[in-house]
Amino acid sequence: MSVSVEQRTHPDTEQSTPAPTRPGLGDRSWVLCLGVLVVTALLFAAMIAITALAGGDGFPN
């Protein structure tokens, strides 16, 4: 007995599972905000470190 290749046993299985959706930027806005805050803090710390390594703030005593 032969079975046709085109014969399907469950035709509704392809539509039963929805395609996974990826969250957009609106769902992860806190990550963007946290990233901006971290970069700002690192730049500020680097500015202080460079000023200290250069010998102070430059104001005459």
Protein backbone atom coordinates (compact mmCIF):
# COMPACT_ATOMS: atom_id res chain seq x y z
CA MET A 1 0.00 0.00 0.00
CA SER A 2 1.38 3.42 -0.93
CA VAL A 3 0.63 6.78 0.63
CA SER A 4 0.62 9.98 -1.36
CA VAL A 5 3.33 12.47 -0.42
CA GLU A 6 0.83 15.30 -0.65
CA GLN A 7 -1.55 13.72 1.83
CA ARG A 8 -1.65 15.50 5.18
CA THR A 9 -2.83 13.97 8.39
CA HIS A 10 -3.39 17.24 10.30
CA PRO A 11 -4.00 20.20 8.01
CA ASP A 12 -4.56 22.66 10.87
CA THR A 13 -1.16 22.14 12.59
CA GLU A 14 0.54 24.86 10.56
CA GLN A 15 -1.82 27.55 11.85
CA SER A 16 -2.14 26.34 15.42
CA THR A 17 1.10 27.91 16.67
CA PRO A 18 1.46 31.69 16.17
CA ALA A 19 4.74 33.11 14.98
CA PRO A 20 6.89 34.49 17.81
CA THR A 21 6.96 38.26 17.96
CA ARG A 22 9.96 40.30 19.02
CA PRO A 23 9.37 43.17 21.43
CA GLY A 24 9.99 46.60 19.98
CA LEU A 25 12.03 49.47 21.36
CA GLY A 26 8.99 50.77 23.23
CA ASP A 27 8.96 47.63 25.35
CA ARG A 28 12.64 48.04 26.20
CA SER A 29 12.84 51.80 26.72
CA TRP A 30 14.26 51.28 30.22
CA VAL A 31 17.32 49.61 28.68
CA LEU A 32 17.94 52.64 26.47
CA CYS A 33 17.53 55.00 29.44
CA LEU A 34 19.87 52.91 31.59
CA GLY A 35 22.45 52.82 28.79
CA VAL A 36 22.39 56.60 28.41
CA LEU A 37 22.81 57.06 32.17
CA VAL A 38 25.74 54.62 32.32
CA VAL A 39 27.52 56.27 29.39
CA THR A 40 27.00 59.71 30.94
CA ALA A 41 28.38 58.56 34.30
CA LEU A 42 31.42 56.96 32.64
CA LEU A 43 32.19 60.10 30.66
CA PHE A 44 31.89 62.26 33.77
CA ALA A 45 34.21 59.94 35.72
CA ALA A 46 36.71 59.95 32.85
CA MET A 47 36.64 63.75 32.77
CA ILE A 48 37.42 63.91 36.49
CA ALA A 49 40.21 61.34 36.16
CA ILE A 50 41.82 63.18 33.25
CA THR A 51 41.65 66.46 35.16
CA ALA A 52 43.27 64.87 38.23
CA LEU A 53 46.03 63.27 36.13
CA ALA A 54 46.72 66.60 34.42
CA GLY A 55 47.51 68.27 37.73
CA GLY A 56 44.30 69.78 39.03
CA ASP A 57 41.74 72.26 37.84
CA GLY A 58 44.12 75.02 36.79
CA PHE A 59 42.94 77.72 39.20
CA PRO A 60 45.84 79.74 40.67
CA ASN A 61 46.15 79.71 44.45
